[in-house]
Amino acid sequence: MSSSYTGPTRPTESAARASSLRFVLLTLFLSAIPYSVMLSAGSMMVDGGLWVLAVMWCPGVAGMSLQLIERRSLRGLGWGWGSTRHQAYAYALPLAYAGAAYAVVWSTGLGSFPDTSRVGGSLAALGLDPSLAPPLAAAVWLAVIATVGFVRSCISAAGEEIGWRGYLVPRLTEAYGPTTATLITGTVWALWHFPAIFLLEYTGSTPGWYSASMFFLMVVGLSFAFTWLRLASGSLWTGVFLHASHNAFIQGYFDRVTGDAGPTEWLIGEFGAALAVSGALTGFLVWRATMRGAEPGTPAAGAAT
């Protein structure tokens, strides 16, 4: 993944930078609309959470709109399936890094497992027995999240990933190389969530600065896995699957079956230290194995699909 080009900036690299900037500005402009509605209502759940779905689709709408304007086609965003092996990695990776983080919390007594008090109602709504013994209830709920929960999560995750990984990452990689592309994308992606963290209820029960810091570290770290899977497979669906799996397993399972043991709120979830450290470590390992030494101009595999 290197380039031997040493002359002046390529026209394609200059165009990639301009396209990337247009995408970020358009995404911010579009996102301001649903954010304004939610902020006016004082809740993300106004209209049944419809505006949360709307804001998550803003990057996708921005990416597809610019793709149509620039290339008169939606080709090139990575619609192809790519490698099934990479799709499997995308699905399973959150179980690995989140499982490791929560295992530490549970094994040290900083959080209890299994605490299924928050899944009984959900099991009952699905026609399942809410009075199952906690270990069995936790196993059944994991199966539900791994299937139904994951599929439902793909709907919202696709909106973000068409933009972040389908449109933005290949262009930034062409201009700056995969490492810088990942750092830029991860930073923008994390900051894009900050209105919801600081002004709405998308946050932990810890102070806002702490929640935002842990979230930022986790998102930037995990962005290296997103970039690697996108470039290695040529498919934006790796991003969709990784994003959906992350949301489903962490928000829908690990957080819900972990009981409070005092300091637990500072450690678990997307705003806790355990997942922040695990995400950052995952990112470092992916970077060291796949991106170290790569230069600008690295082509995005499957960019024409």
C-alpha atoms as a PDB file:
ATOM      1  CA  MET A   1       0.000   0.000   0.000  1.00  0.00           C
ATOM      2  CA  SER A   2       2.521   2.591  -1.090  1.00  0.00           C
ATOM      3  CA  SER A   3       3.081   5.063  -3.891  1.00  0.00           C
ATOM      4  CA  SER A   4       6.334   5.868  -5.669  1.00  0.00           C
ATOM      5  CA  TYR A   5       5.063   9.293  -6.805  1.00  0.00           C
ATOM      6  CA  THR A   6       7.314  12.101  -5.542  1.00  0.00           C
ATOM      7  CA  GLY A   7       6.435  15.057  -7.768  1.00  0.00           C
ATOM      8  CA  PRO A   8       3.936  17.881  -7.267  1.00  0.00           C
ATOM      9  CA  THR A   9       0.499  17.201  -5.883  1.00  0.00           C
ATOM     10  CA  ARG A  10      -1.534  15.121  -8.288  1.00  0.00           C
ATOM     11  CA  PRO A  11      -4.666  16.704  -9.737  1.00  0.00           C
ATOM     12  CA  THR A  12      -6.601  13.711  -8.417  1.00  0.00           C
ATOM     13  CA  GLU A  13      -5.285  14.348  -4.918  1.00  0.00           C
ATOM     14  CA  SER A  14      -6.283  18.009  -5.103  1.00  0.00           C
ATOM     15  CA  ALA A  15      -9.754  17.025  -6.300  1.00  0.00           C
ATOM     16  CA  ALA A  16      -9.999  14.465  -3.508  1.00  0.00           C
ATOM     17  CA  ARG A  17      -9.274  17.137  -0.911  1.00  0.00           C
ATOM     18  CA  ALA A  18     -11.892  19.445  -2.389  1.00  0.00           C
ATOM     19  CA  SER A  19     -14.465  16.659  -2.543  1.00  0.00           C
ATOM     20  CA  SER A  20     -13.766  15.717   1.059  1.00  0.00           C
ATOM     21  CA  LEU A  21     -14.262  19.284   2.242  1.00  0.00           C
ATOM     22  CA  ARG A  22     -17.504  19.607   0.294  1.00  0.00           C
ATOM     23  CA  PHE A  23     -18.748  16.398   1.860  1.00  0.00           C
ATOM     24  CA  VAL A  24     -18.001  17.515   5.420  1.00  0.00           C
ATOM     25  CA  LEU A  25     -19.650  20.909   4.888  1.00  0.00           C
ATOM     26  CA  LEU A  26     -22.737  19.402   3.249  1.00  0.00           C
ATOM     27  CA  THR A  27     -23.057  16.784   5.995  1.00  0.00           C
ATOM     28  CA  LEU A  28     -22.898  19.466   8.675  1.00  0.00           C
ATOM     29  CA  PHE A  29     -25.463  21.581   6.835  1.00  0.00           C
ATOM     30  CA  LEU A  30     -27.912  18.711   6.413  1.00  0.00           C
ATOM     31  CA  SER A  31     -27.393  17.484   9.977  1.00  0.00           C
ATOM     32  CA  ALA A  32     -28.263  20.907  11.363  1.00  0.00           C
ATOM     33  CA  ILE A  33     -31.889  20.368  10.318  1.00  0.00           C
ATOM     34  CA  PRO A  34     -32.707  17.252  12.398  1.00  0.00           C
ATOM     35  CA  TYR A  35     -30.438  18.451  15.192  1.00  0.00           C
ATOM     36  CA  SER A  36     -32.419  21.723  15.324  1.00  0.00           C
ATOM     37  CA  VAL A  37     -35.697  19.824  15.609  1.00  0.00           C
ATOM     38  CA  MET A  38     -34.372  17.626  18.427  1.00  0.00           C
ATOM     39  CA  LEU A  39     -32.788  20.550  20.254  1.00  0.00           C
ATOM     40  CA  SER A  40     -36.008  22.557  20.020  1.00  0.00           C
ATOM     41  CA  ALA A  41     -37.930  19.619  21.482  1.00  0.00           C
ATOM     42  CA  GLY A  42     -35.243  18.996  24.089  1.00  0.00           C
ATOM     43  CA  SER A  43     -35.086  15.289  23.285  1.00  0.00           C
ATOM     44  CA  MET A  44     -33.734  12.870  20.719  1.00  0.00           C
ATOM     45  CA  MET A  45     -36.904  10.820  21.003  1.00  0.00           C
ATOM     46  CA  VAL A  46     -39.273  13.435  19.608  1.00  0.00           C
ATOM     47  CA  ASP A  47     -41.560  11.873  16.978  1.00  0.00           C
ATOM     48  CA  GLY A  48     -40.567   8.420  18.152  1.00  0.00           C
ATOM     49  CA  GLY A  49     -36.878   8.881  17.365  1.00  0.00           C
ATOM     50  CA  LEU A  50     -37.495   9.633  13.681  1.00  0.00           C
ATOM     51  CA  TRP A  51     -35.106  12.560  13.754  1.00  0.00           C
ATOM     52  CA  VAL A  52     -32.313  10.369  15.110  1.00  0.00           C
ATOM     53  CA  LEU A  53     -32.685   8.207  12.022  1.00  0.00           C
ATOM     54  CA  ALA A  54     -32.767  11.369   9.906  1.00  0.00           C
ATOM     55  CA  VAL A  55     -29.501  12.716  11.300  1.00  0.00           C
ATOM     56  CA  MET A  56     -27.828   9.323  10.863  1.00  0.00           C
ATOM     57  CA  TRP A  57     -28.762   9.387   7.173  1.00  0.00           C
ATOM     58  CA  CYS A  58     -27.346  12.869   6.575  1.00  0.00           C
ATOM     59  CA  PRO A  59     -23.811  11.614   5.758  1.00  0.00           C
ATOM     60  CA  GLY A  60     -25.274   9.089   3.317  1.00  0.00           C
ATOM     61  CA  VAL A  61     -27.446  11.680   1.597  1.00  0.00           C
ATOM     62  CA  ALA A  62     -24.477  14.041   1.372  1.00  0.00           C
ATOM     63  CA  GLY A  63     -22.227  11.345  -0.087  1.00  0.00           C
ATOM     64  CA  MET A  64     -24.740  10.134  -2.661  1.00  0.00           C
ATOM     65  CA  SER A  65     -25.644  13.693  -3.678  1.00  0.00           C
ATOM     66  CA  LEU A  66     -22.027  14.661  -4.280  1.00  0.00           C
ATOM     67  CA  GLN A  67     -21.338  11.396  -6.081  1.00  0.00           C
ATOM     68  CA  LEU A  68     -24.197  12.131  -8.483  1.00  0.00           C
ATOM     69  CA  ILE A  69     -23.009  15.697  -9.025  1.00  0.00           C
ATOM     70  CA  GLU A  70     -19.364  14.783  -9.533  1.00  0.00           C
ATOM     71  CA  ARG A  71     -19.693  11.533 -11.472  1.00  0.00           C
ATOM     72  CA  ARG A  72     -23.308  11.442 -12.670  1.00  0.00           C
ATOM     73  CA  SER A  73     -23.570   8.013 -11.074  1.00  0.00           C
ATOM     74  CA  LEU A  74     -23.717   6.344  -7.687  1.00  0.00           C
ATOM     75  CA  ARG A  75     -21.016   3.910  -8.761  1.00  0.00           C
ATOM     76  CA  GLY A  76     -17.774   4.215  -6.860  1.00  0.00           C
ATOM     77  CA  LEU A  77     -19.167   4.230  -3.333  1.00  0.00           C
ATOM     78  CA  GLY A  78     -18.340   0.571  -2.724  1.00  0.00           C
ATOM     79  CA  TRP A  79     -21.723  -1.066  -3.274  1.00  0.00           C
ATOM     80  CA  GLY A  80     -20.176  -4.416  -4.190  1.00  0.00           C
ATOM     81  CA  TRP A  81     -20.113  -7.210  -1.617  1.00  0.00           C
ATOM     82  CA  GLY A  82     -16.347  -7.654  -1.677  1.00  0.00           C
ATOM     83  CA  SER A  83     -14.903 -10.449   0.424  1.00  0.00           C
ATOM     84  CA  THR A  84     -17.190 -12.483   2.657  1.00  0.00           C
ATOM     85  CA  ARG A  85     -14.222 -12.955   4.966  1.00  0.00           C
ATOM     86  CA  HIS A  86     -14.032  -9.205   5.575  1.00  0.00           C
ATOM     87  CA  GLN A  87     -17.793  -8.996   6.112  1.00  0.00           C
ATOM     88  CA  ALA A  88     -17.462 -11.711   8.761  1.00  0.00           C
ATOM     89  CA  TYR A  89     -14.611  -9.779  10.399  1.00  0.00           C
ATOM     90  CA  ALA A  90     -16.800  -6.666  10.464  1.00  0.00           C
ATOM     91  CA  TYR A  91     -19.645  -8.492  12.171  1.00  0.00           C
ATOM     92  CA  ALA A  92     -17.476 -10.275  14.728  1.00  0.00           C
ATOM     93  CA  LEU A  93     -14.990  -7.548  15.644  1.00  0.00           C
ATOM     94  CA  PRO A  94     -17.257  -5.708  18.128  1.00  0.00           C
ATOM     95  CA  LEU A  95     -17.796  -8.950  20.000  1.00  0.00           C
ATOM     96  CA  ALA A  96     -14.025  -9.184  20.373  1.00  0.00           C
ATOM     97  CA  TYR A  97     -13.140  -5.672  21.530  1.00  0.00           C
ATOM     98  CA  ALA A  98     -16.336  -5.124  23.520  1.00  0.00           C
ATOM     99  CA  GLY A  99     -16.250  -8.629  24.955  1.00  0.00           C
ATOM    100  CA  ALA A 100     -12.709  -8.043  26.194  1.00  0.00           C
ATOM    101  CA  ALA A 101     -13.614  -4.685  27.741  1.00  0.00           C
ATOM    102  CA  TYR A 102     -16.702  -5.963  29.539  1.00  0.00           C
ATOM    103  CA  ALA A 103     -14.966  -9.164  30.643  1.00  0.00           C
ATOM    104  CA  VAL A 104     -12.478  -7.016  32.543  1.00  0.00           C
ATOM    105  CA  VAL A 105     -15.294  -5.033  34.155  1.00  0.00           C
ATOM    106  CA  TRP A 106     -17.187  -8.175  35.168  1.00  0.00           C
ATOM    107  CA  SER A 107     -14.157 -10.142  36.367  1.00  0.00           C
ATOM    108  CA  THR A 108     -12.902  -7.304  38.567  1.00  0.00           C
ATOM    109  CA  GLY A 109     -16.297  -6.759  40.189  1.00  0.00           C
ATOM    110  CA  LEU A 110     -16.566  -3.255  38.732  1.00  0.00           C
ATOM    111  CA  GLY A 111     -19.816  -4.349  37.120  1.00  0.00           C
ATOM    112  CA  SER A 112     -22.012  -7.399  37.625  1.00  0.00           C
ATOM    113  CA  PHE A 113     -23.053 -10.033  35.078  1.00  0.00           C
ATOM    114  CA  PRO A 114     -25.591 -11.213  34.210  1.00  0.00           C
ATOM    115  CA  ASP A 115     -28.054  -8.570  35.330  1.00  0.00           C
ATOM    116  CA  THR A 116     -31.105  -9.197  33.165  1.00  0.00           C
ATOM    117  CA  SER A 117     -33.527  -6.862  34.946  1.00  0.00           C
ATOM    118  CA  ARG A 118     -33.538  -4.552  31.917  1.00  0.00           C
ATOM    119  CA  VAL A 119     -34.242  -7.210  29.311  1.00  0.00           C
ATOM    120  CA  GLY A 120     -37.272  -8.907  30.845  1.00  0.00           C
ATOM    121  CA  GLY A 121     -39.741  -6.519  29.235  1.00  0.00           C
ATOM    122  CA  SER A 122     -38.051  -6.868  25.863  1.00  0.00           C
ATOM    123  CA  LEU A 123     -38.171 -10.648  26.077  1.00  0.00           C
ATOM    124  CA  ALA A 124     -41.858 -10.511  26.959  1.00  0.00           C
ATOM    125  CA  ALA A 125     -42.557  -8.207  24.005  1.00  0.00           C
ATOM    126  CA  LEU A 126     -41.073 -10.859  21.745  1.00  0.00           C
ATOM    127  CA  GLY A 127     -43.296 -13.524  23.259  1.00  0.00           C
ATOM    128  CA  LEU A 128     -40.458 -15.017  25.307  1.00  0.00           C
ATOM    129  CA  ASP A 129     -40.502 -15.919  28.978  1.00  0.00           C
ATOM    130  CA  PRO A 130     -39.256 -12.911  31.006  1.00  0.00           C
ATOM    131  CA  SER A 131     -38.818 -15.063  34.119  1.00  0.00           C
ATOM    132  CA  LEU A 132     -35.955 -17.130  32.710  1.00  0.00           C
ATOM    133  CA  ALA A 133     -32.962 -17.640  34.991  1.00  0.00           C
ATOM    134  CA  PRO A 134     -30.482 -14.788  34.444  1.00  0.00           C
ATOM    135  CA  PRO A 135     -27.805 -16.867  32.651  1.00  0.00           C
ATOM    136  CA  LEU A 136     -30.370 -18.303  30.255  1.00  0.00           C
ATOM    137  CA  ALA A 137     -32.084 -14.947  29.775  1.00  0.00           C
ATOM    138  CA  ALA A 138     -28.727 -13.378  28.946  1.00  0.00           C
ATOM    139  CA  ALA A 139     -27.995 -16.107  26.388  1.00  0.00           C
ATOM    140  CA  VAL A 140     -31.425 -15.783  24.776  1.00  0.00           C
ATOM    141  CA  TRP A 141     -31.120 -12.015  24.642  1.00  0.00           C
ATOM    142  CA  LEU A 142     -27.693 -12.322  23.017  1.00  0.00           C
ATOM    143  CA  ALA A 143     -29.218 -14.491  20.289  1.00  0.00           C
ATOM    144  CA  VAL A 144     -31.955 -11.902  19.718  1.00  0.00           C
ATOM    145  CA  ILE A 145     -29.464  -9.037  19.465  1.00  0.00           C
ATOM    146  CA  ALA A 146     -27.110 -11.026  17.227  1.00  0.00           C
ATOM    147  CA  THR A 147     -29.902 -11.561  14.689  1.00  0.00           C
ATOM    148  CA  VAL A 148     -32.914  -9.260  14.869  1.00  0.00           C
ATOM    149  CA  GLY A 149     -31.049  -6.482  16.667  1.00  0.00           C
ATOM    150  CA  PHE A 150     -28.212  -6.524  14.158  1.00  0.00           C
ATOM    151  CA  VAL A 151     -30.520  -6.406  11.129  1.00  0.00           C
ATOM    152  CA  ARG A 152     -32.489  -3.478  12.555  1.00  0.00           C
ATOM    153  CA  SER A 153     -29.272  -1.642  13.356  1.00  0.00           C
ATOM    154  CA  CYS A 154     -28.120  -1.963   9.737  1.00  0.00           C
ATOM    155  CA  ILE A 155     -30.898   0.407   8.637  1.00  0.00           C
ATOM    156  CA  SER A 156     -29.507   3.374  10.532  1.00  0.00           C
ATOM    157  CA  ALA A 157     -25.846   2.379  10.208  1.00  0.00           C
ATOM    158  CA  ALA A 158     -26.122   2.312   6.408  1.00  0.00           C
ATOM    159  CA  GLY A 159     -27.007   6.008   6.397  1.00  0.00           C
ATOM    160  CA  GLU A 160     -23.764   6.951   8.093  1.00  0.00           C
ATOM    161  CA  GLU A 161     -21.527   4.458   6.343  1.00  0.00           C
ATOM    162  CA  ILE A 162     -22.516   5.408   2.774  1.00  0.00           C
ATOM    163  CA  GLY A 163     -21.066   8.788   3.673  1.00  0.00           C
ATOM    164  CA  TRP A 164     -18.148   8.151   6.022  1.00  0.00           C
ATOM    165  CA  ARG A 165     -16.712   5.000   4.474  1.00  0.00           C
ATOM    166  CA  GLY A 166     -18.431   4.924   1.091  1.00  0.00           C
ATOM    167  CA  TYR A 167     -17.594   8.479   0.044  1.00  0.00           C
ATOM    168  CA  LEU A 168     -15.137  10.138   2.427  1.00  0.00           C
ATOM    169  CA  VAL A 169     -12.518   7.514   3.315  1.00  0.00           C
ATOM    170  CA  PRO A 170     -11.505   6.620  -0.286  1.00  0.00           C
ATOM    171  CA  ARG A 171     -11.037  10.291  -1.162  1.00  0.00           C
ATOM    172  CA  LEU A 172      -9.070  11.161   1.937  1.00  0.00           C
ATOM    173  CA  THR A 173      -6.940   8.052   1.413  1.00  0.00           C
ATOM    174  CA  GLU A 174      -6.114   9.168  -2.125  1.00  0.00           C
ATOM    175  CA  ALA A 175      -5.100  12.583  -0.831  1.00  0.00           C
ATOM    176  CA  TYR A 176      -3.359  11.806   2.444  1.00  0.00           C
ATOM    177  CA  GLY A 177      -2.863   8.056   2.815  1.00  0.00           C
ATOM    178  CA  PRO A 178      -4.900   5.747   5.054  1.00  0.00           C
ATOM    179  CA  THR A 179      -3.486   6.840   8.414  1.00  0.00           C
ATOM    180  CA  THR A 180      -4.242  10.537   8.037  1.00  0.00           C
ATOM    181  CA  ALA A 181      -7.503   9.713   6.273  1.00  0.00           C
ATOM    182  CA  THR A 182      -8.559   7.667   9.283  1.00  0.00           C
ATOM    183  CA  LEU A 183      -7.588  10.334  11.787  1.00  0.00           C
ATOM    184  CA  ILE A 184      -9.516  12.999   9.867  1.00  0.00           C
ATOM    185  CA  THR A 185     -12.577  10.816   9.364  1.00  0.00           C
ATOM    186  CA  GLY A 186     -12.568   9.616  12.959  1.00  0.00           C
ATOM    187  CA  THR A 187     -12.255  13.158  14.295  1.00  0.00           C
ATOM    188  CA  VAL A 188     -15.071  14.531  12.130  1.00  0.00           C
ATOM    189  CA  TRP A 189     -17.229  11.500  12.898  1.00  0.00           C
ATOM    190  CA  ALA A 190     -16.734  11.903  16.650  1.00  0.00           C
ATOM    191  CA  LEU A 191     -17.293  15.673  16.680  1.00  0.00           C
ATOM    192  CA  TRP A 192     -20.436  15.233  14.590  1.00  0.00           C
ATOM    193  CA  HIS A 193     -21.934  13.432  17.626  1.00  0.00           C
ATOM    194  CA  PHE A 194     -21.009  16.171  20.110  1.00  0.00           C
ATOM    195  CA  PRO A 195     -24.280  18.158  19.877  1.00  0.00           C
ATOM    196  CA  ALA A 196     -26.117  14.989  20.922  1.00  0.00           C
ATOM    197  CA  ILE A 197     -23.608  14.346  23.710  1.00  0.00           C
ATOM    198  CA  PHE A 198     -23.496  17.851  25.186  1.00  0.00           C
ATOM    199  CA  LEU A 199     -26.997  19.135  24.395  1.00  0.00           C
ATOM    200  CA  LEU A 200     -29.173  16.009  24.188  1.00  0.00           C
ATOM    201  CA  GLU A 201     -29.400  12.685  25.999  1.00  0.00           C
ATOM    202  CA  TYR A 202     -26.882  10.731  23.927  1.00  0.00           C
ATOM    203  CA  THR A 203     -24.402  10.564  26.797  1.00  0.00           C
ATOM    204  CA  GLY A 204     -23.441   8.662  29.896  1.00  0.00           C
ATOM    205  CA  SER A 205     -24.371   9.595  33.444  1.00  0.00           C
ATOM    206  CA  THR A 206     -20.851  10.913  33.996  1.00  0.00           C
ATOM    207  CA  PRO A 207     -19.871  14.567  33.327  1.00  0.00           C
ATOM    208  CA  GLY A 208     -20.169  15.677  29.712  1.00  0.00           C
ATOM    209  CA  TRP A 209     -16.467  16.304  29.269  1.00  0.00           C
ATOM    210  CA  TYR A 210     -15.701  12.754  30.396  1.00  0.00           C
ATOM    211  CA  SER A 211     -18.349  11.145  28.192  1.00  0.00           C
ATOM    212  CA  ALA A 212     -17.179  13.147  25.170  1.00  0.00           C
ATOM    213  CA  SER A 213     -13.503  12.342  25.800  1.00  0.00           C
ATOM    214  CA  MET A 214     -14.078   8.608  26.112  1.00  0.00           C
ATOM    215  CA  PHE A 215     -16.365   8.612  23.073  1.00  0.00           C
ATOM    216  CA  PHE A 216     -13.798  10.523  21.012  1.00  0.00           C
ATOM    217  CA  LEU A 217     -10.988   8.111  21.915  1.00  0.00           C
ATOM    218  CA  MET A 218     -13.138   5.084  21.105  1.00  0.00           C
ATOM    219  CA  VAL A 219     -14.394   6.440  17.768  1.00  0.00           C
ATOM    220  CA  VAL A 220     -10.998   7.543  16.465  1.00  0.00           C
ATOM    221  CA  GLY A 221      -9.430   4.258  17.515  1.00  0.00           C
ATOM    222  CA  LEU A 222     -12.106   2.103  15.917  1.00  0.00           C
ATOM    223  CA  SER A 223     -11.969   4.204  12.747  1.00  0.00           C
ATOM    224  CA  PHE A 224      -8.759   2.367  11.839  1.00  0.00           C
ATOM    225  CA  ALA A 225     -10.703  -0.897  11.694  1.00  0.00           C
ATOM    226  CA  PHE A 226     -13.384   0.750   9.562  1.00  0.00           C
ATOM    227  CA  THR A 227     -10.798   2.118   7.117  1.00  0.00           C
ATOM    228  CA  TRP A 228      -8.892  -1.148   6.869  1.00  0.00           C
ATOM    229  CA  LEU A 229     -12.020  -3.163   6.150  1.00  0.00           C
ATOM    230  CA  ARG A 230     -13.256  -0.623   3.591  1.00  0.00           C
ATOM    231  CA  LEU A 231      -9.983  -0.520   1.652  1.00  0.00           C
ATOM    232  CA  ALA A 232      -9.219  -4.230   1.950  1.00  0.00           C
ATOM    233  CA  SER A 233     -12.644  -5.343   0.776  1.00  0.00           C
ATOM    234  CA  GLY A 234     -13.612  -2.495  -1.533  1.00  0.00           C
ATOM    235  CA  SER A 235     -17.051  -2.652   0.072  1.00  0.00           C
ATOM    236  CA  LEU A 236     -18.887  -0.095   2.180  1.00  0.00           C
ATOM    237  CA  TRP A 237     -20.914  -2.992   3.614  1.00  0.00           C
ATOM    238  CA  THR A 238     -18.039  -3.819   5.921  1.00  0.00           C
ATOM    239  CA  GLY A 239     -18.607  -0.414   7.488  1.00  0.00           C
ATOM    240  CA  VAL A 240     -22.343  -1.005   7.713  1.00  0.00           C
ATOM    241  CA  PHE A 241     -21.863  -4.397   9.357  1.00  0.00           C
ATOM    242  CA  LEU A 242     -19.178  -3.200  11.786  1.00  0.00           C
ATOM    243  CA  HIS A 243     -21.212  -0.128  12.734  1.00  0.00           C
ATOM    244  CA  ALA A 244     -24.453  -2.093  13.123  1.00  0.00           C
ATOM    245  CA  SER A 245     -22.761  -4.857  15.091  1.00  0.00           C
ATOM    246  CA  HIS A 246     -21.120  -2.308  17.396  1.00  0.00           C
ATOM    247  CA  ASN A 247     -24.399  -0.520  18.112  1.00  0.00           C
ATOM    248  CA  ALA A 248     -26.399  -3.720  18.538  1.00  0.00           C
ATOM    249  CA  PHE A 249     -24.009  -5.595  20.805  1.00  0.00           C
ATOM    250  CA  ILE A 250     -22.855  -2.681  22.952  1.00  0.00           C
ATOM    251  CA  GLN A 251     -26.030  -0.626  23.307  1.00  0.00           C
ATOM    252  CA  GLY A 252     -28.442  -3.529  23.004  1.00  0.00           C
ATOM    253  CA  TYR A 253     -26.606  -6.266  24.881  1.00  0.00           C
ATOM    254  CA  PHE A 254     -23.469  -5.550  26.911  1.00  0.00           C
ATOM    255  CA  ASP A 255     -24.776  -2.349  28.510  1.00  0.00           C
ATOM    256  CA  ARG A 256     -28.138  -3.908  29.297  1.00  0.00           C
ATOM    257  CA  VAL A 257     -26.855  -7.059  31.000  1.00  0.00           C
ATOM    258  CA  THR A 258     -24.226  -5.291  33.113  1.00  0.00           C
ATOM    259  CA  GLY A 259     -25.314  -4.377  36.629  1.00  0.00           C
ATOM    260  CA  ASP A 260     -24.150  -1.286  38.480  1.00  0.00           C
ATOM    261  CA  ALA A 261     -21.477  -1.926  41.085  1.00  0.00           C
ATOM    262  CA  GLY A 262     -20.610   1.678  41.924  1.00  0.00           C
ATOM    263  CA  PRO A 263     -17.955   2.844  39.453  1.00  0.00           C
ATOM    264  CA  THR A 264     -19.583   0.939  36.580  1.00  0.00           C
ATOM    265  CA  GLU A 265     -20.967   4.021  34.811  1.00  0.00           C
ATOM    266  CA  TRP A 266     -17.424   5.376  34.381  1.00  0.00           C
ATOM    267  CA  LEU A 267     -16.309   2.219  32.614  1.00  0.00           C
ATOM    268  CA  ILE A 268     -18.995   0.755  30.379  1.00  0.00           C
ATOM    269  CA  GLY A 269     -20.761   1.895  27.248  1.00  0.00           C
ATOM    270  CA  GLU A 270     -19.592   4.203  24.507  1.00  0.00           C
ATOM    271  CA  PHE A 271     -18.835   6.866  27.114  1.00  0.00           C
ATOM    272  CA  GLY A 272     -16.799   4.705  29.490  1.00  0.00           C
ATOM    273  CA  ALA A 273     -13.090   4.086  29.879  1.00  0.00           C
ATOM    274  CA  ALA A 274     -13.124   0.330  29.259  1.00  0.00           C
ATOM    275  CA  LEU A 275     -14.449   0.566  25.725  1.00  0.00           C
ATOM    276  CA  ALA A 276     -12.360   3.668  25.005  1.00  0.00           C
ATOM    277  CA  VAL A 277      -9.164   1.810  25.890  1.00  0.00           C
ATOM    278  CA  SER A 278     -10.266  -1.318  24.034  1.00  0.00           C
ATOM    279  CA  GLY A 279     -11.187   0.715  20.945  1.00  0.00           C
ATOM    280  CA  ALA A 280      -7.912   2.630  20.978  1.00  0.00           C
ATOM    281  CA  LEU A 281      -5.910  -0.581  21.361  1.00  0.00           C
ATOM    282  CA  THR A 282      -7.849  -2.192  18.512  1.00  0.00           C
ATOM    283  CA  GLY A 283      -7.094   0.804  16.334  1.00  0.00           C
ATOM    284  CA  PHE A 284      -3.396   0.690  17.131  1.00  0.00           C
ATOM    285  CA  LEU A 285      -3.144  -3.012  16.337  1.00  0.00           C
ATOM    286  CA  VAL A 286      -4.981  -2.557  13.039  1.00  0.00           C
ATOM    287  CA  TRP A 287      -2.808   0.432  12.107  1.00  0.00           C
ATOM    288  CA  ARG A 288       0.412  -1.420  12.911  1.00  0.00           C
ATOM    289  CA  ALA A 289      -0.628  -4.470  10.902  1.00  0.00           C
ATOM    290  CA  THR A 290      -2.126  -2.784   7.846  1.00  0.00           C
ATOM    291  CA  MET A 291      -1.330   0.912   7.457  1.00  0.00           C
ATOM    292  CA  ARG A 292       2.094   1.715   8.841  1.00  0.00           C
ATOM    293  CA  GLY A 293       4.239   3.078   6.031  1.00  0.00           C
ATOM    294  CA  ALA A 294       1.389   3.567   3.547  1.00  0.00           C
ATOM    295  CA  GLU A 295       1.574   6.826   1.609  1.00  0.00           C
ATOM    296  CA  PRO A 296      -0.859   9.210  -0.089  1.00  0.00           C
ATOM    297  CA  GLY A 297      -2.256   7.990  -3.369  1.00  0.00           C
ATOM    298  CA  THR A 298      -3.071   4.550  -2.019  1.00  0.00           C
ATOM    299  CA  PRO A 299      -5.965   3.370  -4.175  1.00  0.00           C
ATOM    300  CA  ALA A 300      -9.194   2.332  -2.549  1.00  0.00           C
ATOM    301  CA  ALA A 301      -9.832  -1.248  -3.564  1.00  0.00           C
ATOM    302  CA  GLY A 302     -13.008  -1.725  -5.498  1.00  0.00           C
ATOM    303  CA  ALA A 303     -13.552   2.027  -5.865  1.00  0.00           C
ATOM    304  CA  ALA A 304     -15.459   1.545  -9.071  1.00  0.00           C
ATOM    305  CA  THR A 305     -18.090  -0.751  -7.589  1.00  0.00           C
END
